[in-house]
Amino acid sequence: MQDFVLKSLESITSSFQENELAYLASTTKIELPLRDRWAYFLHKKLHKNFQISREWKRTDLAILDSGKPVLLVELKAMYSFDAALKPNDIGGFTDAMLSDENKARKLALPNTDIYTVLLATHPNGKYPKELDGIVKYVSGINKAVKELGSSNNVKTEAIAAVNNKLKSRNIVLSGTLPGGFAFGTSIDILFWVVKA
């Protein structure tokens, strides 16, 4: 089950229309749109044997067998500039992952798999100030690019910061989901999957 679920996350971008993921990531916190699409993808593939639930007992995503949890997933979302500009302060996100893991443990059976997923929206460029209020966090995105010299440097610093915060945890998968283009720049979704 783990391999299938993890591979489905890596391939989830194919279920979005061209540039849809970039638009959504630019205009909202990406965890809910990605979770919803991931849940529906899993439902289509597994519905004959399992039930796929969003917000099952306040868990982001659950795979159930006759109502019993087989696999639980909690997602957290941030932006690459959060980690790149303040690498020591991203504990708010990584600590929240631990809190979610503990919440899931209370719902889990002895053989239930528990995962927490950290998502980081990463624009591969700056935005004009006119997009402030349309694109989320324009000032933070632009500040990070200015301070670190390029969006690629922001990405590199963010990945290093998150890897450092999660180094003592069981990261089973990490990577980048290409989101396409929106508002003049391409968007990537960086992700880390931690197994409890």
Protein backbone atom coordinates (compact mmCIF):
# COMPACT_ATOMS: atom_id res chain seq x y z
CA MET A 1 0.00 0.00 0.00
CA GLN A 2 2.80 2.45 0.91
CA ASP A 3 4.46 2.22 -2.50
CA PHE A 4 1.19 2.79 -4.34
CA VAL A 5 0.17 5.77 -2.20
CA LEU A 6 3.60 7.41 -2.47
CA LYS A 7 3.77 6.89 -6.23
CA SER A 8 0.29 8.35 -6.55
CA LEU A 9 1.50 11.54 -4.84
CA GLU A 10 4.42 11.80 -7.25
CA SER A 11 2.10 11.44 -10.25
CA ILE A 12 -0.74 13.63 -8.95
CA THR A 13 0.20 16.57 -11.18
CA SER A 14 -1.10 14.66 -14.19
CA SER A 15 -4.63 14.86 -12.75
CA PHE A 16 -4.60 18.67 -12.83
CA GLN A 17 -5.30 20.56 -16.02
CA GLU A 18 -2.33 22.32 -17.59
CA ASN A 19 -1.19 25.16 -15.28
CA GLU A 20 -4.06 24.53 -12.82
CA LEU A 21 -1.75 23.50 -9.98
CA ALA A 22 0.38 26.64 -10.50
CA TYR A 23 -2.71 28.84 -10.38
CA LEU A 24 -4.04 27.16 -7.24
CA ALA A 25 -0.65 27.24 -5.50
CA SER A 26 -0.31 30.95 -6.33
CA THR A 27 -3.72 31.90 -4.99
CA THR A 28 -4.40 29.62 -2.03
CA LYS A 29 -2.73 27.36 0.49
CA ILE A 30 -2.03 24.31 -1.66
CA GLU A 31 -2.62 21.57 0.91
CA LEU A 32 -6.41 21.43 0.44
CA PRO A 33 -6.56 21.38 -3.40
CA LEU A 34 -3.73 18.83 -3.52
CA ARG A 35 -5.30 16.69 -0.78
CA ASP A 36 -8.66 16.72 -2.51
CA ARG A 37 -7.20 15.69 -5.86
CA TRP A 38 -5.05 13.02 -4.21
CA ALA A 39 -8.08 11.64 -2.35
CA TYR A 40 -10.13 11.43 -5.53
CA PHE A 41 -7.25 9.76 -7.39
CA LEU A 42 -6.98 7.14 -4.62
CA HIS A 43 -10.77 6.71 -4.58
CA LYS A 44 -10.81 5.94 -8.32
CA LYS A 45 -8.06 3.35 -7.93
CA LEU A 46 -9.00 1.73 -4.61
CA HIS A 47 -12.79 2.12 -4.20
CA LYS A 48 -13.50 -1.58 -4.77
CA ASN A 49 -11.55 -2.56 -1.66
CA PHE A 50 -11.20 0.57 0.48
CA GLN A 51 -12.97 3.77 1.38
CA ILE A 52 -11.04 7.02 0.89
CA SER A 53 -12.05 9.81 3.24
CA ARG A 54 -11.15 13.46 3.56
CA GLU A 55 -11.40 14.84 7.09
CA TRP A 56 -12.10 11.42 8.65
CA LYS A 57 -12.21 12.26 12.36
CA ARG A 58 -10.36 15.48 11.44
CA THR A 59 -7.57 13.60 9.62
CA ASP A 60 -6.73 15.12 6.22
CA LEU A 61 -6.79 11.85 4.28
CA ALA A 62 -7.66 8.34 5.39
CA ILE A 63 -7.76 4.98 3.65
CA LEU A 64 -10.27 2.79 5.47
CA ASP A 65 -11.13 -0.89 5.28
CA SER A 66 -14.70 -1.40 6.52
CA GLY A 67 -14.37 1.83 8.50
CA LYS A 68 -11.05 0.89 10.10
CA PRO A 69 -7.96 3.03 9.31
CA VAL A 70 -5.37 1.35 7.10
CA LEU A 71 -3.45 4.54 6.30
CA LEU A 72 -3.69 8.10 7.63
CA VAL A 73 -2.13 11.21 6.05
CA GLU A 74 -1.81 14.73 7.45
CA LEU A 75 -0.60 17.60 5.24
CA LYS A 76 0.96 20.96 6.09
CA ALA A 77 1.68 23.73 3.60
CA MET A 78 4.15 26.60 3.59
CA TYR A 79 6.15 28.60 1.04
CA SER A 80 9.80 28.12 0.16
CA PHE A 81 10.57 31.64 1.39
CA ASP A 82 9.34 30.65 4.88
CA ALA A 83 12.21 28.18 5.14
CA ALA A 84 14.79 30.11 3.11
CA LEU A 85 14.51 33.41 5.00
CA LYS A 86 14.09 31.96 8.51
CA PRO A 87 15.47 28.42 8.52
CA ASN A 88 15.35 28.21 12.31
CA ASP A 89 11.74 29.34 12.47
CA ILE A 90 10.20 26.65 10.28
CA GLY A 91 9.78 24.56 13.38
CA GLY A 92 6.23 25.86 13.43
CA PHE A 93 5.57 23.74 10.35
CA THR A 94 7.70 20.74 11.31
CA ASP A 95 6.41 20.80 14.90
CA ALA A 96 2.87 20.87 13.51
CA MET A 97 3.73 17.71 11.58
CA LEU A 98 4.66 16.02 14.88
CA SER A 99 1.45 17.25 16.47
CA ASP A 100 -0.55 15.84 13.54
CA GLU A 101 1.33 12.55 13.82
CA ASN A 102 0.43 12.29 17.51
CA LYS A 103 -3.22 13.09 16.70
CA ALA A 104 -3.23 10.34 14.05
CA ARG A 105 -1.69 7.83 16.46
CA LYS A 106 -4.74 8.21 18.70
CA LEU A 107 -6.98 7.17 15.79
CA ALA A 108 -4.71 4.44 14.44
CA LEU A 109 -4.82 0.71 14.97
CA PRO A 110 -1.55 -1.17 15.65
CA ASN A 111 -0.88 -1.77 11.93
CA THR A 112 -2.15 1.57 10.55
CA ASP A 113 0.44 3.46 8.49
CA ILE A 114 0.73 7.15 9.41
CA TYR A 115 2.30 9.79 7.18
CA THR A 116 2.77 13.51 7.47
CA VAL A 117 3.45 15.52 4.33
CA LEU A 118 5.05 18.96 4.19
CA LEU A 119 4.37 20.97 1.02
CA ALA A 120 6.27 24.12 0.06
CA THR A 121 5.03 26.29 -2.79
CA HIS A 122 8.01 27.63 -4.73
CA PRO A 123 7.60 30.29 -7.45
CA ASN A 124 10.54 30.29 -9.86
CA GLY A 125 10.66 34.08 -10.08
CA LYS A 126 9.46 37.39 -8.65
CA TYR A 127 6.09 39.08 -9.05
CA PRO A 128 5.15 42.66 -9.86
CA LYS A 129 3.66 44.50 -6.87
CA GLU A 130 0.33 44.82 -8.74
CA LEU A 131 -0.25 41.13 -8.09
CA ASP A 132 -0.19 41.62 -4.32
CA GLY A 133 -3.60 40.48 -3.08
CA ILE A 134 -4.08 38.21 -6.10
CA VAL A 135 -0.97 36.07 -5.67
CA LYS A 136 -0.45 35.12 -2.03
CA TYR A 137 2.60 36.46 -0.19
CA VAL A 138 4.07 38.53 -3.05
CA SER A 139 6.17 40.59 -0.63
CA GLY A 140 7.67 37.51 1.07
CA ILE A 141 8.41 35.84 -2.25
CA ASN A 142 10.07 38.97 -3.69
CA LYS A 143 11.99 39.66 -0.47
CA ALA A 144 13.49 36.17 -0.51
CA VAL A 145 14.56 36.44 -4.16
CA LYS A 146 16.13 39.86 -3.50
CA GLU A 147 17.97 38.77 -0.34
CA LEU A 148 19.20 35.45 -1.70
CA GLY A 149 19.92 36.60 -5.26
CA SER A 150 17.65 34.26 -7.23
CA SER A 151 14.63 32.03 -6.89
CA ASN A 152 16.91 29.03 -7.40
CA ASN A 153 18.90 30.10 -4.32
CA VAL A 154 15.62 30.39 -2.40
CA LYS A 155 14.76 26.83 -3.41
CA THR A 156 18.20 25.50 -2.45
CA GLU A 157 18.09 27.21 0.96
CA ALA A 158 14.54 26.04 1.62
CA ILE A 159 15.35 22.42 0.82
CA ALA A 160 18.43 22.53 3.05
CA ALA A 161 16.47 24.09 5.92
CA VAL A 162 13.64 21.56 5.77
CA ASN A 163 16.03 18.63 5.40
CA ASN A 164 17.88 19.88 8.48
CA LYS A 165 14.66 20.15 10.52
CA LEU A 166 13.50 16.69 9.43
CA LYS A 167 16.87 14.92 9.58
CA SER A 168 15.97 12.90 12.67
CA ARG A 169 12.64 11.76 11.21
CA ASN A 170 11.79 8.96 8.83
CA ILE A 171 11.60 10.74 5.45
CA VAL A 172 10.37 8.10 3.01
CA LEU A 173 10.02 10.37 -0.02
CA SER A 174 10.85 13.92 -1.06
CA GLY A 175 10.84 15.72 -4.35
CA THR A 176 9.25 18.34 -6.54
CA LEU A 177 5.86 18.44 -8.21
CA PRO A 178 5.90 20.69 -11.29
CA GLY A 179 2.86 22.93 -11.20
CA GLY A 180 3.09 24.68 -14.54
CA PHE A 181 2.82 28.46 -15.09
CA ALA A 182 0.66 31.18 -13.56
CA PHE A 183 1.04 34.94 -13.33
CA GLY A 184 4.20 34.97 -15.41
CA THR A 185 6.25 32.38 -13.56
CA SER A 186 6.48 28.64 -13.15
CA ILE A 187 5.56 27.08 -9.81
CA ASP A 188 6.97 24.00 -8.14
CA ILE A 189 5.58 22.24 -5.10
CA LEU A 190 8.41 20.85 -2.97
CA PHE A 191 7.34 17.97 -0.75
CA TRP A 192 8.58 15.75 2.06
CA VAL A 193 6.73 12.63 3.24
CA VAL A 194 7.54 11.42 6.76
CA LYS A 195 6.41 8.03 8.01
CA ALA A 196 5.61 7.76 11.70
